[in-house]
Amino acid sequence: MGRTHALTGWCAGLALAPAVGVGSVHQAVVFAATTAGFALLPDLDHPGASASRLLGWLTGALSWVLRRVSAAFYALTKGPRDEKVTGKHRHLSHTVLFAAGLGALTSWGTTAGGPWAVVGVVIFGLMLAEGALGDWLLPVSGAAVAWWFFTAPPDRTGELAAISGWLGIAVAAGCFVHCLGDALTEAGCPFLFPVPIAGETWYELRPPKPLRFRTGKKVEKRLIFPVFALLGVLLVPGVWGYAVSTFDRLFIPPTSQQATTP
C-alpha cells in the first residue's frame, strides 16, 4: 500500500497547504512533497516496509527499536478487552499522538535549524516516497528541484525559512493520512489511542465491512490509486484553473457566438 500512502499524502499536502498559509506554488510543492514522504513513515514499525529498508542498516535499526518500544508501550497500556497481539505493527506509530509528537519535533527542529533543516526534511521525505513509488521518481524529483531552483524568487533561502514551522504540520498530516488509509482496510487502525471505544484502549477503527478493502488488491490498484493520481495533478496550484479554462475554450462557444446562433 506504499504507493497509495505516498499519493494520498501528496494530495493531502496540496489541499492543506492553503489552509495553513502556504502562499506560493513553490512552498506548496515543498509542503506536499514532505507530506507525501512522511505518509510512509508509520510503517517503519514493519521490517519489510520500504521505510525500514530505505537506508539499509540505519533505518533497519530504527525499525527494530520502534518495534520494541511499540510492543512495550502496548503491553503497558492495553486493556483487558484489547487483542492479544505483540503490538509491534500498526500500534504506537499509527496513532494521532505519534503524528502530533513527530510534527511538533519537526517544527522545532526546522525552526531552530533554518533553511538547511528544511532541505534535510524534504530530501528525507522524497527518499521515503521514492522507496515506495520506484526509481522513476528520481528523475522527476530532479526535474522538480531544478524547476524550483530556477523559478523560485531570488531569496530562495527566505522561501524555505518561511515554511520551516509549517513542515511540522506537513509531517503530522502525512502520518495521519497514513492512519486514515490503514483504517479503510480490513485490519483497521487504532489511531485514536488512548480514547476508549467499545471497552478497548487500542480499538481498530474501520468502516462497515462492504466499504473495506484489502491492501494490494484490485480496489486499491484499479480505483483508489488512479483516482488519487488524477487528484494529485489537479490539486497542484494553477492546474485546475488551467484545465477549466482550456475546457471552456475548446468545448464552450463564446457568448457572442451563442447569441448569433439561430
C-alpha atoms as a PDB file:
ATOM      1  CA  MET A   1       0.000   0.000   0.000  1.00  0.00           C
ATOM      2  CA  GLY A   2       3.069   2.209  -0.064  1.00  0.00           C
ATOM      3  CA  ARG A   3       2.303   3.857  -3.413  1.00  0.00           C
ATOM      4  CA  THR A   4      -1.199   4.758  -2.287  1.00  0.00           C
ATOM      5  CA  HIS A   5       0.052   6.167   1.013  1.00  0.00           C
ATOM      6  CA  ALA A   6       2.525   8.427  -0.799  1.00  0.00           C
ATOM      7  CA  LEU A   7      -0.035   9.596  -3.324  1.00  0.00           C
ATOM      8  CA  THR A   8      -2.748  10.338  -0.760  1.00  0.00           C
ATOM      9  CA  GLY A   9      -0.128  12.190   1.289  1.00  0.00           C
ATOM     10  CA  TRP A  10       0.746  14.331  -1.748  1.00  0.00           C
ATOM     11  CA  CYS A  11      -2.932  15.156  -2.316  1.00  0.00           C
ATOM     12  CA  ALA A  12      -3.492  15.941   1.361  1.00  0.00           C
ATOM     13  CA  GLY A  13      -0.467  18.233   1.390  1.00  0.00           C
ATOM     14  CA  LEU A  14      -1.654  20.193  -1.636  1.00  0.00           C
ATOM     15  CA  ALA A  15      -5.163  20.503  -0.188  1.00  0.00           C
ATOM     16  CA  LEU A  16      -3.904  21.533   3.252  1.00  0.00           C
ATOM     17  CA  ALA A  17      -1.202  23.977   2.156  1.00  0.00           C
ATOM     18  CA  PRO A  18      -3.501  26.995   1.524  1.00  0.00           C
ATOM     19  CA  ALA A  19      -5.311  26.402   4.832  1.00  0.00           C
ATOM     20  CA  VAL A  20      -2.101  26.736   6.862  1.00  0.00           C
ATOM     21  CA  GLY A  21      -0.935  29.825   4.998  1.00  0.00           C
ATOM     22  CA  VAL A  22       1.463  28.345   2.451  1.00  0.00           C
ATOM     23  CA  GLY A  23       1.334  31.115  -0.100  1.00  0.00           C
ATOM     24  CA  SER A  24       3.364  30.341  -3.222  1.00  0.00           C
ATOM     25  CA  VAL A  25       3.315  27.345  -5.537  1.00  0.00           C
ATOM     26  CA  HIS A  26       6.965  26.694  -4.664  1.00  0.00           C
ATOM     27  CA  GLN A  27       6.174  26.482  -0.958  1.00  0.00           C
ATOM     28  CA  ALA A  28       3.105  24.321  -1.664  1.00  0.00           C
ATOM     29  CA  VAL A  29       5.205  21.810  -3.635  1.00  0.00           C
ATOM     30  CA  VAL A  30       7.751  21.567  -0.797  1.00  0.00           C
ATOM     31  CA  PHE A  31       4.940  21.166   1.730  1.00  0.00           C
ATOM     32  CA  ALA A  32       3.171  18.444  -0.287  1.00  0.00           C
ATOM     33  CA  ALA A  33       6.392  16.550  -1.044  1.00  0.00           C
ATOM     34  CA  THR A  34       7.046  16.379   2.697  1.00  0.00           C
ATOM     35  CA  THR A  35       3.520  15.154   3.407  1.00  0.00           C
ATOM     36  CA  ALA A  36       3.826  12.511   0.683  1.00  0.00           C
ATOM     37  CA  GLY A  37       7.071  11.140   2.068  1.00  0.00           C
ATOM     38  CA  PHE A  38       6.061  11.116   5.708  1.00  0.00           C
ATOM     39  CA  ALA A  39       2.799   9.375   4.814  1.00  0.00           C
ATOM     40  CA  LEU A  40       5.056   6.303   4.625  1.00  0.00           C
ATOM     41  CA  LEU A  41       6.929   6.745   7.902  1.00  0.00           C
ATOM     42  CA  PRO A  42       4.435   4.993  10.252  1.00  0.00           C
ATOM     43  CA  ASP A  43       5.270   1.696   8.563  1.00  0.00           C
ATOM     44  CA  LEU A  44       8.774   1.964   9.977  1.00  0.00           C
ATOM     45  CA  ASP A  45       7.349  -0.435  12.557  1.00  0.00           C
ATOM     46  CA  HIS A  46       7.344  -3.210   9.925  1.00  0.00           C
ATOM     47  CA  PRO A  47      10.712  -4.753   8.941  1.00  0.00           C
ATOM     48  CA  GLY A  48       9.641  -5.322   5.341  1.00  0.00           C
ATOM     49  CA  ALA A  49       8.330  -1.807   4.684  1.00  0.00           C
ATOM     50  CA  SER A  50      10.136   0.498   2.271  1.00  0.00           C
ATOM     51  CA  ALA A  51      10.725   2.979   5.111  1.00  0.00           C
ATOM     52  CA  SER A  52      12.562   0.287   7.105  1.00  0.00           C
ATOM     53  CA  ARG A  53      14.778  -0.640   4.131  1.00  0.00           C
ATOM     54  CA  LEU A  54      15.415   2.908   2.943  1.00  0.00           C
ATOM     55  CA  LEU A  55      18.898   3.467   4.412  1.00  0.00           C
ATOM     56  CA  GLY A  56      19.955  -0.120   4.978  1.00  0.00           C
ATOM     57  CA  TRP A  57      21.151  -0.961   8.454  1.00  0.00           C
ATOM     58  CA  LEU A  58      20.357   2.542   9.783  1.00  0.00           C
ATOM     59  CA  THR A  59      16.622   2.527   9.115  1.00  0.00           C
ATOM     60  CA  GLY A  60      16.612  -1.202   9.857  1.00  0.00           C
ATOM     61  CA  ALA A  61      17.965  -0.453  13.333  1.00  0.00           C
ATOM     62  CA  LEU A  62      15.417   2.340  13.821  1.00  0.00           C
ATOM     63  CA  SER A  63      12.680  -0.081  12.802  1.00  0.00           C
ATOM     64  CA  TRP A  64      13.941  -2.638  15.327  1.00  0.00           C
ATOM     65  CA  VAL A  65      13.940  -0.056  18.118  1.00  0.00           C
ATOM     66  CA  LEU A  66      10.486   1.250  17.174  1.00  0.00           C
ATOM     67  CA  ARG A  67       9.007  -2.244  17.176  1.00  0.00           C
ATOM     68  CA  ARG A  68      10.403  -2.967  20.639  1.00  0.00           C
ATOM     69  CA  VAL A  69       9.227   0.359  22.037  1.00  0.00           C
ATOM     70  CA  SER A  70       5.799  -0.108  20.462  1.00  0.00           C
ATOM     71  CA  ALA A  71       5.469  -3.614  21.891  1.00  0.00           C
ATOM     72  CA  ALA A  72       6.479  -2.447  25.369  1.00  0.00           C
ATOM     73  CA  PHE A  73       4.123   0.523  25.187  1.00  0.00           C
ATOM     74  CA  TYR A  74       1.257  -1.712  24.101  1.00  0.00           C
ATOM     75  CA  ALA A  75       1.928  -4.133  26.951  1.00  0.00           C
ATOM     76  CA  LEU A  76       1.777  -1.250  29.429  1.00  0.00           C
ATOM     77  CA  THR A  77      -1.361   0.412  28.063  1.00  0.00           C
ATOM     78  CA  LYS A  78      -3.573  -2.362  26.699  1.00  0.00           C
ATOM     79  CA  GLY A  79      -6.854  -3.064  28.450  1.00  0.00           C
ATOM     80  CA  PRO A  80      -8.464  -6.409  29.262  1.00  0.00           C
ATOM     81  CA  ARG A  81     -10.553  -6.285  26.066  1.00  0.00           C
ATOM     82  CA  ASP A  82      -7.698  -5.398  23.709  1.00  0.00           C
ATOM     83  CA  GLU A  83      -6.417  -8.061  21.358  1.00  0.00           C
ATOM     84  CA  LYS A  84      -3.661 -10.462  22.381  1.00  0.00           C
ATOM     85  CA  VAL A  85      -1.088  -9.307  19.846  1.00  0.00           C
ATOM     86  CA  THR A  86       2.537  -8.201  20.035  1.00  0.00           C
ATOM     87  CA  GLY A  87       1.727  -4.540  19.462  1.00  0.00           C
ATOM     88  CA  LYS A  88       4.693  -4.073  17.128  1.00  0.00           C
ATOM     89  CA  HIS A  89       2.914  -3.192  13.881  1.00  0.00           C
ATOM     90  CA  ARG A  90       0.053  -0.696  13.481  1.00  0.00           C
ATOM     91  CA  HIS A  91       0.189   0.451  17.058  1.00  0.00           C
ATOM     92  CA  LEU A  92       2.367   3.235  18.501  1.00  0.00           C
ATOM     93  CA  SER A  93       3.456   4.773  15.180  1.00  0.00           C
ATOM     94  CA  HIS A  94      -0.104   4.536  13.861  1.00  0.00           C
ATOM     95  CA  THR A  95      -1.673   6.978  16.323  1.00  0.00           C
ATOM     96  CA  VAL A  96      -2.602  10.635  16.327  1.00  0.00           C
ATOM     97  CA  LEU A  97      -0.301  11.088  19.325  1.00  0.00           C
ATOM     98  CA  PHE A  98       2.686   9.841  17.308  1.00  0.00           C
ATOM     99  CA  ALA A  99       1.787  12.103  14.375  1.00  0.00           C
ATOM    100  CA  ALA A 100       1.417  15.146  16.629  1.00  0.00           C
ATOM    101  CA  GLY A 101       4.644  14.403  18.505  1.00  0.00           C
ATOM    102  CA  LEU A 102       6.705  13.927  15.335  1.00  0.00           C
ATOM    103  CA  GLY A 103       5.140  17.042  13.824  1.00  0.00           C
ATOM    104  CA  ALA A 104       5.999  19.125  16.891  1.00  0.00           C
ATOM    105  CA  LEU A 105       9.570  17.811  16.857  1.00  0.00           C
ATOM    106  CA  THR A 106       9.897  18.676  13.166  1.00  0.00           C
ATOM    107  CA  SER A 107       8.541  22.197  13.710  1.00  0.00           C
ATOM    108  CA  TRP A 108      11.038  22.792  16.479  1.00  0.00           C
ATOM    109  CA  GLY A 109      13.931  21.305  14.518  1.00  0.00           C
ATOM    110  CA  THR A 110      13.277  23.203  11.292  1.00  0.00           C
ATOM    111  CA  THR A 111      12.657  26.474  13.127  1.00  0.00           C
ATOM    112  CA  ALA A 112      15.917  26.097  15.039  1.00  0.00           C
ATOM    113  CA  GLY A 113      17.896  24.739  12.083  1.00  0.00           C
ATOM    114  CA  GLY A 114      16.644  27.152   9.436  1.00  0.00           C
ATOM    115  CA  PRO A 115      16.627  26.545   5.657  1.00  0.00           C
ATOM    116  CA  TRP A 116      19.118  23.680   5.716  1.00  0.00           C
ATOM    117  CA  ALA A 117      16.997  21.771   8.219  1.00  0.00           C
ATOM    118  CA  VAL A 118      14.034  22.289   5.885  1.00  0.00           C
ATOM    119  CA  VAL A 119      16.077  20.893   2.984  1.00  0.00           C
ATOM    120  CA  GLY A 120      17.022  17.856   5.074  1.00  0.00           C
ATOM    121  CA  VAL A 121      13.417  17.078   5.996  1.00  0.00           C
ATOM    122  CA  VAL A 122      12.224  17.491   2.400  1.00  0.00           C
ATOM    123  CA  ILE A 123      15.013  15.305   0.986  1.00  0.00           C
ATOM    124  CA  PHE A 124      14.252  12.593   3.523  1.00  0.00           C
ATOM    125  CA  GLY A 125      10.567  12.815   2.562  1.00  0.00           C
ATOM    126  CA  LEU A 126      11.444  12.468  -1.129  1.00  0.00           C
ATOM    127  CA  MET A 127      13.612   9.450  -0.349  1.00  0.00           C
ATOM    128  CA  LEU A 128      10.730   7.828   1.518  1.00  0.00           C
ATOM    129  CA  ALA A 129       8.401   8.473  -1.429  1.00  0.00           C
ATOM    130  CA  GLU A 130      10.954   7.152  -3.935  1.00  0.00           C
ATOM    131  CA  GLY A 131      11.316   3.973  -1.929  1.00  0.00           C
ATOM    132  CA  ALA A 132       7.600   3.292  -2.338  1.00  0.00           C
ATOM    133  CA  LEU A 133       6.875   4.691  -5.799  1.00  0.00           C
ATOM    134  CA  GLY A 134      10.004   3.455  -7.557  1.00  0.00           C
ATOM    135  CA  ASP A 135      13.146   4.776  -9.218  1.00  0.00           C
ATOM    136  CA  TRP A 136      11.142   6.702 -11.818  1.00  0.00           C
ATOM    137  CA  LEU A 137      10.628   9.315  -9.109  1.00  0.00           C
ATOM    138  CA  LEU A 138      14.349  10.160  -9.099  1.00  0.00           C
ATOM    139  CA  PRO A 139      14.441  11.999 -12.469  1.00  0.00           C
ATOM    140  CA  VAL A 140      11.041  13.545 -11.706  1.00  0.00           C
ATOM    141  CA  SER A 141      12.331  14.792  -8.372  1.00  0.00           C
ATOM    142  CA  GLY A 142      15.481  16.076 -10.033  1.00  0.00           C
ATOM    143  CA  ALA A 143      13.437  17.979 -12.598  1.00  0.00           C
ATOM    144  CA  ALA A 144      11.195  19.352  -9.840  1.00  0.00           C
ATOM    145  CA  VAL A 145      14.211  20.549  -7.855  1.00  0.00           C
ATOM    146  CA  ALA A 146      15.651  22.227 -10.963  1.00  0.00           C
ATOM    147  CA  TRP A 147      12.280  23.878 -11.683  1.00  0.00           C
ATOM    148  CA  TRP A 148      12.044  25.061  -8.086  1.00  0.00           C
ATOM    149  CA  PHE A 149      15.567  26.493  -8.105  1.00  0.00           C
ATOM    150  CA  PHE A 150      15.298  28.364 -11.400  1.00  0.00           C
ATOM    151  CA  THR A 151      11.743  29.689 -10.985  1.00  0.00           C
ATOM    152  CA  ALA A 152      11.637  30.497  -7.270  1.00  0.00           C
ATOM    153  CA  PRO A 153      12.044  34.116  -6.117  1.00  0.00           C
ATOM    154  CA  PRO A 154      15.634  35.346  -5.754  1.00  0.00           C
ATOM    155  CA  ASP A 155      15.549  34.907  -1.969  1.00  0.00           C
ATOM    156  CA  ARG A 156      15.358  31.122  -2.075  1.00  0.00           C
ATOM    157  CA  THR A 157      16.588  30.626   1.472  1.00  0.00           C
ATOM    158  CA  GLY A 158      13.855  33.013   2.581  1.00  0.00           C
ATOM    159  CA  GLU A 159      11.270  30.863   0.796  1.00  0.00           C
ATOM    160  CA  LEU A 160      12.497  27.810   2.692  1.00  0.00           C
ATOM    161  CA  ALA A 161      12.806  29.592   6.021  1.00  0.00           C
ATOM    162  CA  ALA A 162       9.233  30.855   5.676  1.00  0.00           C
ATOM    163  CA  ILE A 163       7.853  27.306   5.781  1.00  0.00           C
ATOM    164  CA  SER A 164      10.154  25.955   8.492  1.00  0.00           C
ATOM    165  CA  GLY A 165       7.434  25.784  11.147  1.00  0.00           C
ATOM    166  CA  TRP A 166       4.796  24.617   8.667  1.00  0.00           C
ATOM    167  CA  LEU A 167       6.780  21.477   7.836  1.00  0.00           C
ATOM    168  CA  GLY A 168       5.786  20.085  11.215  1.00  0.00           C
ATOM    169  CA  ILE A 169       2.172  20.262  10.073  1.00  0.00           C
ATOM    170  CA  ALA A 170       3.147  18.529   6.817  1.00  0.00           C
ATOM    171  CA  VAL A 171       4.870  15.700   8.704  1.00  0.00           C
ATOM    172  CA  ALA A 172       1.961  15.263  11.116  1.00  0.00           C
ATOM    173  CA  ALA A 173      -0.550  15.355   8.259  1.00  0.00           C
ATOM    174  CA  GLY A 174       1.398  12.700   6.352  1.00  0.00           C
ATOM    175  CA  CYS A 175       1.410  10.335   9.338  1.00  0.00           C
ATOM    176  CA  PHE A 176      -2.288  10.980   9.953  1.00  0.00           C
ATOM    177  CA  VAL A 177      -3.227  10.345   6.323  1.00  0.00           C
ATOM    178  CA  HIS A 178      -1.378   7.029   6.573  1.00  0.00           C
ATOM    179  CA  CYS A 179      -3.534   6.088   9.569  1.00  0.00           C
ATOM    180  CA  LEU A 180      -6.718   7.025   7.718  1.00  0.00           C
ATOM    181  CA  GLY A 181      -5.673   4.870   4.779  1.00  0.00           C
ATOM    182  CA  ASP A 182      -4.967   1.898   7.012  1.00  0.00           C
ATOM    183  CA  ALA A 183      -8.309   2.417   8.748  1.00  0.00           C
ATOM    184  CA  LEU A 184     -10.065   1.694   5.446  1.00  0.00           C
ATOM    185  CA  THR A 185      -8.521  -1.760   5.210  1.00  0.00           C
ATOM    186  CA  GLU A 186      -9.898  -4.958   6.705  1.00  0.00           C
ATOM    187  CA  ALA A 187      -7.425  -4.849   9.604  1.00  0.00           C
ATOM    188  CA  GLY A 188      -8.319  -1.284  10.609  1.00  0.00           C
ATOM    189  CA  CYS A 189      -6.113   1.095  12.590  1.00  0.00           C
ATOM    190  CA  PRO A 190      -6.206   2.124  16.293  1.00  0.00           C
ATOM    191  CA  PHE A 191      -5.184   5.702  15.561  1.00  0.00           C
ATOM    192  CA  LEU A 192      -7.413   7.278  18.229  1.00  0.00           C
ATOM    193  CA  PHE A 193      -5.497   5.676  21.100  1.00  0.00           C
ATOM    194  CA  PRO A 194      -5.929   6.277  24.058  1.00  0.00           C
ATOM    195  CA  VAL A 195      -9.618   7.130  23.515  1.00  0.00           C
ATOM    196  CA  PRO A 196     -11.602   4.119  24.850  1.00  0.00           C
ATOM    197  CA  ILE A 197     -14.004   2.694  22.265  1.00  0.00           C
ATOM    198  CA  ALA A 198     -16.181  -0.365  22.901  1.00  0.00           C
ATOM    199  CA  GLY A 199     -14.153  -1.070  26.014  1.00  0.00           C
ATOM    200  CA  GLU A 200     -10.839  -1.196  24.125  1.00  0.00           C
ATOM    201  CA  THR A 201      -7.919   1.188  24.503  1.00  0.00           C
ATOM    202  CA  TRP A 202      -6.491   0.187  21.109  1.00  0.00           C
ATOM    203  CA  TYR A 203      -9.703  -0.088  19.089  1.00  0.00           C
ATOM    204  CA  GLU A 204      -9.099  -0.731  15.375  1.00  0.00           C
ATOM    205  CA  LEU A 205     -11.260   1.819  13.595  1.00  0.00           C
ATOM    206  CA  ARG A 206     -12.620   0.757  10.194  1.00  0.00           C
ATOM    207  CA  PRO A 207     -15.713   1.354   8.057  1.00  0.00           C
ATOM    208  CA  PRO A 208     -18.570  -1.157   7.602  1.00  0.00           C
ATOM    209  CA  LYS A 209     -17.357  -4.379   6.015  1.00  0.00           C
ATOM    210  CA  PRO A 210     -18.639  -3.664   2.467  1.00  0.00           C
ATOM    211  CA  LEU A 211     -16.522  -0.486   2.377  1.00  0.00           C
ATOM    212  CA  ARG A 212     -13.247  -2.075   3.456  1.00  0.00           C
ATOM    213  CA  PHE A 213     -10.585  -3.186   1.004  1.00  0.00           C
ATOM    214  CA  ARG A 214      -7.576  -5.488   1.032  1.00  0.00           C
ATOM    215  CA  THR A 215      -4.176  -3.924   0.500  1.00  0.00           C
ATOM    216  CA  GLY A 216      -2.605  -4.554  -2.893  1.00  0.00           C
ATOM    217  CA  LYS A 217      -5.804  -5.921  -4.447  1.00  0.00           C
ATOM    218  CA  LYS A 218      -7.999  -4.740  -7.326  1.00  0.00           C
ATOM    219  CA  VAL A 219      -9.874  -1.994  -5.457  1.00  0.00           C
ATOM    220  CA  GLU A 220      -6.654  -0.277  -4.454  1.00  0.00           C
ATOM    221  CA  LYS A 221      -4.876  -0.752  -7.794  1.00  0.00           C
ATOM    222  CA  ARG A 222      -7.748  -0.045 -10.191  1.00  0.00           C
ATOM    223  CA  LEU A 223      -9.829   2.511  -8.290  1.00  0.00           C
ATOM    224  CA  ILE A 224      -8.139   4.225  -5.354  1.00  0.00           C
ATOM    225  CA  PHE A 225      -4.697   4.753  -6.885  1.00  0.00           C
ATOM    226  CA  PRO A 226      -5.917   6.108 -10.268  1.00  0.00           C
ATOM    227  CA  VAL A 227      -8.393   8.487  -8.579  1.00  0.00           C
ATOM    228  CA  PHE A 228      -5.728   9.973  -6.338  1.00  0.00           C
ATOM    229  CA  ALA A 229      -3.230  10.097  -9.209  1.00  0.00           C
ATOM    230  CA  LEU A 230      -5.655  12.377 -11.057  1.00  0.00           C
ATOM    231  CA  LEU A 231      -6.309  14.436  -7.929  1.00  0.00           C
ATOM    232  CA  GLY A 232      -2.580  14.728  -7.373  1.00  0.00           C
ATOM    233  CA  VAL A 233      -2.279  16.587 -10.673  1.00  0.00           C
ATOM    234  CA  LEU A 234      -5.440  18.694 -10.403  1.00  0.00           C
ATOM    235  CA  LEU A 235      -4.595  19.919  -6.892  1.00  0.00           C
ATOM    236  CA  VAL A 236      -1.274  21.449  -7.952  1.00  0.00           C
ATOM    237  CA  PRO A 237      -1.816  25.231  -7.688  1.00  0.00           C
ATOM    238  CA  GLY A 238      -2.937  26.623 -11.031  1.00  0.00           C
ATOM    239  CA  VAL A 239      -3.625  23.292 -12.744  1.00  0.00           C
ATOM    240  CA  TRP A 240      -7.372  23.161 -12.019  1.00  0.00           C
ATOM    241  CA  GLY A 241      -7.915  26.723 -13.265  1.00  0.00           C
ATOM    242  CA  TYR A 242      -5.899  25.980 -16.396  1.00  0.00           C
ATOM    243  CA  ALA A 243      -7.868  22.771 -17.019  1.00  0.00           C
ATOM    244  CA  VAL A 244     -11.215  24.554 -16.634  1.00  0.00           C
ATOM    245  CA  SER A 245     -10.210  27.445 -18.905  1.00  0.00           C
ATOM    246  CA  THR A 246      -8.904  25.009 -21.518  1.00  0.00           C
ATOM    247  CA  PHE A 247     -12.142  23.013 -21.398  1.00  0.00           C
ATOM    248  CA  ASP A 248     -14.208  26.188 -21.790  1.00  0.00           C
ATOM    249  CA  ARG A 249     -12.084  27.359 -24.710  1.00  0.00           C
ATOM    250  CA  LEU A 250     -12.344  24.036 -26.532  1.00  0.00           C
ATOM    251  CA  PHE A 251     -15.928  22.999 -25.876  1.00  0.00           C
ATOM    252  CA  ILE A 252     -17.982  26.061 -24.896  1.00  0.00           C
ATOM    253  CA  PRO A 253     -18.567  28.649 -27.636  1.00  0.00           C
ATOM    254  CA  PRO A 254     -18.099  32.319 -26.772  1.00  0.00           C
ATOM    255  CA  THR A 255     -21.169  34.262 -25.622  1.00  0.00           C
ATOM    256  CA  SER A 256     -21.242  36.352 -28.831  1.00  0.00           C
ATOM    257  CA  GLN A 257     -21.313  33.179 -30.927  1.00  0.00           C
ATOM    258  CA  GLN A 258     -24.155  31.773 -28.825  1.00  0.00           C
ATOM    259  CA  ALA A 259     -26.149  34.972 -29.279  1.00  0.00           C
ATOM    260  CA  THR A 260     -25.923  34.846 -33.086  1.00  0.00           C
ATOM    261  CA  THR A 261     -26.838  31.176 -33.294  1.00  0.00           C
ATOM    262  CA  PRO A 262     -30.434  30.874 -34.718  1.00  0.00           C
END
